[in-house]
Structure formats: structure tokens, C-alpha cells
Amino acid sequence: MSIYKAPLTDIRFALYDVLDAETLFAKLGYDEATRDLLDAVLEEAGRFTETVLAPLNGVGDEVGCRFDKASGDVTTPPGFREAYAQFIDNGWTGLTAAPEFGGQGLPHAMGVPLNEMINAANLAWGNFPLLSHGAVEALKQHGENWQREAFLKPIVEGRWTGTMCLTEPHCGTDLGLLKTRAEPNADGSYSITGTKIFITAGEHDLTDNIVHLVLAKLPDAPPGAKGISLFVTPKFKVARDGSVGERNAVRCGSIEHKMGIKGSVTCVMNFDGAEGYLVGQPHKGLQGMFTMMNTARLGVGLQGVGLSERAYQNALRYSLDRLQTRSLSGAKFPEKPADPIIVHPDVRRMLLSIKSLVEGSRLLALHAGTLIDVAHHAKDPAERERADVLVSFLTPISKACQTEWGIENTYNALQCFGGHGYIHEHGMEQLARDARITTLYEGTTGIQSLDLMGRKTAATKGAGLKLFMAEVEAFASQHEGDAALAEFIVPLRQKTVEWAALTQGVLQRAALDPEEIGAASTDYLFYSGYVALAYYWARSVAAANASSHGDAFKQAKLETARFYFARMLPRTLAHAAAIESGAAPLMAMDAERFGA
């Protein structure tokens, strides 16, 4: 059975020592977000996830969700409802929500460690409240006043949850092809008809109501993506005064049988003239959709971090205890019949790979969280705009790299166990199965790569990249004469210069051949992710040296950073070579010759 202990020491280090979150929160007007309060939140989040959610992780995998075909109802695994009730009672659903909607008004960045802990403790359970935040943001930014009043308070309180109903059986990510229709009614509502698939938490027994945010087309919609509108369509009808009425004409048609996250329900949802209300302007639904999706993408990236952290803890424990042969340089524990496997270089390679990616990813996620706070609350409009551009640039990197690394990390952790890794009782194979889907939902890695290379780089002339590189250069200049950081600053600067050159090369080639964007995108995304983590590791060493942490902690940060720069950052060499090879090796072969 796998165990989980919330990594509060490293979370605090990332928040306070590296990102100086206390100063930032005070600057942004979060007067109540004192160190004492934030530490209490972290401690209680650790307790809840360790003692309530983590023990249910295996139960969710073994029992899964049950679907009643006759009624369309879904029953969650044993213990999930009780855990959710505690989640509501403790106020976690409204931790970062605005006070006017019943939230506690803490910084968005404080939701990041909470979500990481939830994902590490019980990813499947965490999927039920996951999309509520996106629904809240979409309604807050795009909804009418009565919609915010009627829907946001129950969602923030946790009495209702939210979903995103985007994809349909025939269209996947090409939402311009969707067929769901919205017919206007005389009372200002709309009748929504269509089928949506892959709807996380589309039906369950945890809350009184479920609020579906549905993409559909009006009768006069122009073709393609420009004709998409967004509608709020609850499971039980909600009037403009907030009163709840009869069951709406929306029903779960079936649930998917998956290789992982079996305690989370993935639904086919059928809308048969269900009553809904337009959110935002007609044919402008993509604006609300991206509000939801960007929130969800950062949340799914955290799933990769959480799974990696839990996998690392268990692999480390096993590697310290498991006796297997002797060290190649001689016995390290001669009093024992064999040495623990942590003495072997390859086991250390796997453990250090996980550790360096997890702790670097944690900083990437928290940095993105602080940028969202700045984008929403900074007094200077230029500062808000800068933060918004930068977090938009980091979002596809965060989602794709953290989930892809989650697969790598859970695989390496399982590998440390040898043959015991695929035995159910150790819990490692569940982590590996659960990790696999995270690269698929909320946009596959390929979709994130195209978003980064196309929308966030080519279309903006590298606006986000320039801001990020300016931040790296500011850090490097600040520590110009610091001998303790020279081994990191020099290669970091070299990589940012190469990053800029690679970007320029792709954009120049794309001006002649649009296929160059797609050909370079995935390698460009990973290149970006590895360089970004190099920056966070350099910052970690600087922060650790200046902190009050003990020598063992400081040395661990230094040695992990050295490993990352020596063994992980060189992966950029292969990605750079692939980027520079251009589109020709990919596009030369005719489609029919793939089967030759």
C-alpha cells in the first residue's frame, strides 16, 4: 500500500523563500493572508489529505463508480461522500473564492498547494471539485448578475459542483464541428439538445445539484468555431431568483471504463431540450470556454506534480529499506546481508530524476499561481497585463510538461520496486495508471504544444517568451558576482540565448511553410519546460543559501540542482536538434506509404 505525507517543508520553502509570497500578498492587498494564517491552512490541508483522502485512494481504484442505467444515477466509491462532506464543512471549496460569493478570499496561489496535496492523496476524488473553479471563473467573468448570484454561491459553498461540457463523439478538439443546438424560448431561456462525452463528474451523488457549462450553437450561428455559444444548464432547473425547481432534461447516458482514476466518473451526457441560459454574448462562447480550460489546464498540471510526489515518497522509502546485492565500490552496510538499493547509481538516477522534476515543477505551478494573483489584483494595469501574458505563456508548459513528467516519474518510481512495482498491494501501479490520462484530458500534449508554439509564441511574436527571458536575465544579473551560483547562471544564460534563436528560426521557417509550427511544437514545448525548470532550480539554490533552513536542506537543494543541470537539462540538446531538422522529415512521406 502506498503512503502519503504532505511535503509541507518544501511547499513553504517554495512559497516563502523562493517566491517571497508574503511580500507579494501584502502588496496585492491580501491583508489577512499573514504567515500564521497561511501556515495554518497548509497544516490543516496536510492533515485532511493525509488522514481523510489518502486512505480512500485504493478504495476508489478497487470499487470505482457504479452507474444505474435505468435512472442514469452514479454512485461514488465508499467513503467519497463522507470525505466531500468534510471538505465542505472545513471550508475548502471557497478557500480562494471572492467573499461576495461566500468565499474566504485568500490568494489564488494558496489553492495550488491544496490542490497538489489533494491530487497526491486521491486524484480520483479530487476530480469531483476540480472543474467547479473553472465554472466559477467563467460565470464571474462572463455571466449576468443574476447568474452570478444564483449559481456562484452554491458552487463556492460546495453544495453544487460544476462541469465543462465541450467535446462530442464526432469532433474531439475541433469544436467548430459540434452539433449541440440551443433553441431560444419565449422566457429568455434556451432548450439545449445534444450529446457530450468525456464529462468529468458529469453525474454523481456528492452534491444537490450539478451545474453544466455547455457549448452549443444557436439557430443563426455562423459556421465553425465563430458560431459557438456558452450556456449554463443545471441538473435541476434554477430560476432567476435562485430557487431550484424540477429535474432538468439532462441525463447521464453511460460512464466510461478506464485504465485509471476509476474512482472518478467520466460521463456521456445527453441533453434533450434541457433548460439553459446564455452566458456572455451569442457566438462568443469560446471566451468563456478558454476561461474554464486555462484554469483546468493548470489544475491538471498539478495532478502530475501530486502523483509524482507520492510516487517519489514511496520509491524513496522502498529504496532505503530494500536490501539487494552490494555497492559496486564495496559494501556500504557491512553489518547487513546486503546493501539497500539506494547505493546503486541507477536507482539514484531514477530517484534524483523524480526529485528534481517534482520540486522544480512545484515552483513552476506556484509561480503561475502568483502570476494569476498579480493579473487580478495588481494596482498597475501594465503589471496586470504583464502577469496575464506570462501566465498564458506558462500554462501549456505547465499542463503538458508536468503531466508528461508525471508519467515518467511514476514509471521510474515503479521501476525502483522491481518486480514488486506491478503488484497491486504496493499501490505503485495505480499511480502509474492514474498518471497516464493526465496528458490526455483538458487538451493532449500535442494540443498544448500547438497552443504554445502557435497561439502563445508565433501569434504574439514571442511576447510571453520575452517576458520570461527578461525575468531570467534579471535574476542572472542580480547574482552576477555570486560565486556560489556561477555554475548555474552561466549555462542558464546560454540556454536562454539558444531558446531565443530556436524560436526565431522556427518563426522564420514558418513564414515559408506553415507546417514548421506543428513540426517543431512538441520538441519546443519540452525544450521550454526544461529551461524553465533550470531557472527555478537556480532560484532554489539562491533562496536556500539565503534561508534559515539547516545545512542538510541547503545541501540537498544544491546537489539536486547540480544533478538537474548535469543530467536533465542536456535533454534540451535532443529537442533542439529535432526542432532544427524542420518539417521535411515529418511531411515527406505520403500518407499511403505509412502502411508500406
Foldseek 3Di string as FASTA:
>chain_A
DFADAQPVVLLCCLCCLQVVVQVLCVQLPVVVPHPVVLVVLSVVLRVLLRPQQQVCQLQCWVPFWDADQVALAIEFGPSLLVSLVVCLVVQVLQDCPDVVLPHPNDFLLSVLSSLLSNLLRHVLSSLQQLLQVLVLQLCVVFNDPLCNNQPRNCRSSVQEHEKEFQADPPQGPQSLPDAWEWEADPVQKTFTFDKGWQIWNPHYDNHDKYKYWYWHFYPPADGGLLRIFIKIFMQFDADSNNDTHHGWQKHFNDWDDALASRSITTTIMGGDGTIIHTTHDGSPHVVSVVSSLLSSLLSLLSSLLSLLNSLLVLLVVQQQPDFDAAAPVGHPCVVDPGHRNCSYVVLVVLNLLSVLLNSLLSSLSSLLSSLCSQLVRNPDPVSNVLSVLQSQLSRLLSRQVSLVVSLSSLVSSLVSVPPCSPPPVSPSVNSNRHSVCSCPPSAHNLRSLLCNLPVSPLVVVHSNLVSVVVVLVVVCVVCVPPPLLPVLSVVLVVLSVVLVVLSVVLNVVCVVPVCLSSQLRNLNSVLVNLSSSSSVLSSSLVSLVVDPDDPVVNVVSSVSSVCSVVPPNVVNVVSSVSSVVTCCVPPVDDPVVVVD
